[in-house]
Amino acid sequence: MERKKYSKRYCKYTEAKIDFIDYKDIDMLKYSLSERYKIMPRRLTGNTKKWQERVEIAIKRARHMALIPYVIDTKNVVENPFKIG
């Protein structure tokens, strides 16, 4: 059985030379969240260990400040929880 060959993933934070991840910048954090707003693992995002830890802290802070939802209800799926109304 042949193994699937995945393309090499690169850490976008290292490439962009970002020195700080702001928890208020939801558009940047969305790339590290799944469709149910779970934090994506490093093997899927390609982040380095250092940046993955910083992304996790930023997402947890944004959840605490109610900028990102903790749980998405699977029975009552909302298309975009960031849209008000």
C-alpha atoms as a PDB file:
ATOM      1  CA  MET A   1       0.000   0.000   0.000  1.00  0.00           C
ATOM      2  CA  GLU A   2       1.403   3.363  -1.014  1.00  0.00           C
ATOM      3  CA  ARG A   3       1.493   6.245   1.426  1.00  0.00           C
ATOM      4  CA  LYS A   4      -0.080   9.550   0.480  1.00  0.00           C
ATOM      5  CA  LYS A   5       2.459  12.215  -0.344  1.00  0.00           C
ATOM      6  CA  TYR A   6       1.638  15.546   1.247  1.00  0.00           C
ATOM      7  CA  SER A   7       3.210  18.779   0.135  1.00  0.00           C
ATOM      8  CA  LYS A   8       5.719  20.345   2.505  1.00  0.00           C
ATOM      9  CA  ARG A   9       3.996  22.834   4.757  1.00  0.00           C
ATOM     10  CA  TYR A  10       5.706  26.013   5.845  1.00  0.00           C
ATOM     11  CA  CYS A  11       5.151  28.182   8.876  1.00  0.00           C
ATOM     12  CA  LYS A  12       3.500  31.309   7.536  1.00  0.00           C
ATOM     13  CA  TYR A  13       4.404  33.292  10.653  1.00  0.00           C
ATOM     14  CA  THR A  14       8.124  32.597  10.241  1.00  0.00           C
ATOM     15  CA  GLU A  15       7.989  33.419   6.523  1.00  0.00           C
ATOM     16  CA  ALA A  16       6.123  36.689   7.116  1.00  0.00           C
ATOM     17  CA  LYS A  17       8.612  37.605   9.883  1.00  0.00           C
ATOM     18  CA  ILE A  18       5.791  38.448  12.307  1.00  0.00           C
ATOM     19  CA  ASP A  19       7.028  39.135  15.825  1.00  0.00           C
ATOM     20  CA  PHE A  20       3.671  39.140  17.668  1.00  0.00           C
ATOM     21  CA  ILE A  21       0.250  37.523  17.158  1.00  0.00           C
ATOM     22  CA  ASP A  22      -2.536  39.813  18.306  1.00  0.00           C
ATOM     23  CA  TYR A  23      -5.579  38.061  19.760  1.00  0.00           C
ATOM     24  CA  LYS A  24      -7.804  40.855  18.383  1.00  0.00           C
ATOM     25  CA  ASP A  25      -6.798  40.075  14.780  1.00  0.00           C
ATOM     26  CA  ILE A  26      -9.473  37.445  14.126  1.00  0.00           C
ATOM     27  CA  ASP A  27      -8.815  37.278  10.364  1.00  0.00           C
ATOM     28  CA  MET A  28      -5.298  35.960  10.984  1.00  0.00           C
ATOM     29  CA  LEU A  29      -6.441  33.513  13.673  1.00  0.00           C
ATOM     30  CA  LYS A  30      -9.141  32.024  11.403  1.00  0.00           C
ATOM     31  CA  TYR A  31      -6.456  30.191   9.397  1.00  0.00           C
ATOM     32  CA  SER A  32      -5.589  28.150  12.502  1.00  0.00           C
ATOM     33  CA  LEU A  33      -9.213  27.221  13.250  1.00  0.00           C
ATOM     34  CA  SER A  34     -11.318  24.437  11.738  1.00  0.00           C
ATOM     35  CA  GLU A  35     -14.875  24.958  10.462  1.00  0.00           C
ATOM     36  CA  ARG A  36     -16.146  24.170  13.956  1.00  0.00           C
ATOM     37  CA  TYR A  37     -13.666  26.653  15.427  1.00  0.00           C
ATOM     38  CA  LYS A  38     -11.372  24.064  16.943  1.00  0.00           C
ATOM     39  CA  ILE A  39      -7.641  24.781  17.006  1.00  0.00           C
ATOM     40  CA  MET A  40      -5.940  23.001  14.103  1.00  0.00           C
ATOM     41  CA  PRO A  41      -2.890  20.841  14.900  1.00  0.00           C
ATOM     42  CA  ARG A  42       0.632  21.684  13.772  1.00  0.00           C
ATOM     43  CA  ARG A  43       0.774  18.841  11.269  1.00  0.00           C
ATOM     44  CA  LEU A  44      -2.092  20.440   9.316  1.00  0.00           C
ATOM     45  CA  THR A  45      -1.164  24.114   9.626  1.00  0.00           C
ATOM     46  CA  GLY A  46       2.589  23.647   9.231  1.00  0.00           C
ATOM     47  CA  ASN A  47       3.392  26.007  12.090  1.00  0.00           C
ATOM     48  CA  THR A  48       6.592  25.626  14.054  1.00  0.00           C
ATOM     49  CA  LYS A  49       6.286  24.674  17.726  1.00  0.00           C
ATOM     50  CA  LYS A  50       7.028  28.217  18.896  1.00  0.00           C
ATOM     51  CA  TRP A  51       4.373  29.803  16.673  1.00  0.00           C
ATOM     52  CA  GLN A  52       1.777  27.110  17.321  1.00  0.00           C
ATOM     53  CA  GLU A  53       2.015  27.799  21.052  1.00  0.00           C
ATOM     54  CA  ARG A  54       1.625  31.540  20.441  1.00  0.00           C
ATOM     55  CA  VAL A  55      -1.363  30.952  18.152  1.00  0.00           C
ATOM     56  CA  GLU A  56      -3.007  28.753  20.794  1.00  0.00           C
ATOM     57  CA  ILE A  57      -2.534  31.419  23.470  1.00  0.00           C
ATOM     58  CA  ALA A  58      -3.960  34.108  21.161  1.00  0.00           C
ATOM     59  CA  ILE A  59      -6.999  31.949  20.298  1.00  0.00           C
ATOM     60  CA  LYS A  60      -7.635  31.180  23.963  1.00  0.00           C
ATOM     61  CA  ARG A  61      -7.420  34.894  24.809  1.00  0.00           C
ATOM     62  CA  ALA A  62      -9.817  35.752  21.971  1.00  0.00           C
ATOM     63  CA  ARG A  63     -12.259  33.111  23.230  1.00  0.00           C
ATOM     64  CA  HIS A  64     -12.032  34.522  26.745  1.00  0.00           C
ATOM     65  CA  MET A  65     -12.815  38.001  25.384  1.00  0.00           C
ATOM     66  CA  ALA A  66     -15.775  36.487  23.415  1.00  0.00           C
ATOM     67  CA  LEU A  67     -14.284  37.336  20.006  1.00  0.00           C
ATOM     68  CA  ILE A  68     -14.260  33.653  18.949  1.00  0.00           C
ATOM     69  CA  PRO A  69     -16.895  31.137  20.102  1.00  0.00           C
ATOM     70  CA  TYR A  70     -15.860  28.232  22.341  1.00  0.00           C
ATOM     71  CA  VAL A  71     -18.387  25.716  21.000  1.00  0.00           C
ATOM     72  CA  ILE A  72     -20.378  25.588  17.785  1.00  0.00           C
ATOM     73  CA  ASP A  73     -23.748  23.866  18.164  1.00  0.00           C
ATOM     74  CA  THR A  74     -23.835  20.993  15.657  1.00  0.00           C
ATOM     75  CA  LYS A  75     -27.659  20.879  15.527  1.00  0.00           C
ATOM     76  CA  ASN A  76     -28.085  24.603  14.962  1.00  0.00           C
ATOM     77  CA  VAL A  77     -25.211  25.433  12.612  1.00  0.00           C
ATOM     78  CA  VAL A  78     -24.646  29.122  11.968  1.00  0.00           C
ATOM     79  CA  GLU A  79     -22.881  30.013   8.713  1.00  0.00           C
ATOM     80  CA  ASN A  80     -20.780  32.794  10.176  1.00  0.00           C
ATOM     81  CA  PRO A  81     -20.805  33.278  13.967  1.00  0.00           C
ATOM     82  CA  PHE A  82     -18.920  36.582  13.577  1.00  0.00           C
ATOM     83  CA  LYS A  83     -21.836  38.165  11.727  1.00  0.00           C
ATOM     84  CA  ILE A  84     -24.249  39.958  14.019  1.00  0.00           C
ATOM     85  CA  GLY A  85     -27.931  39.713  13.222  1.00  0.00           C
END
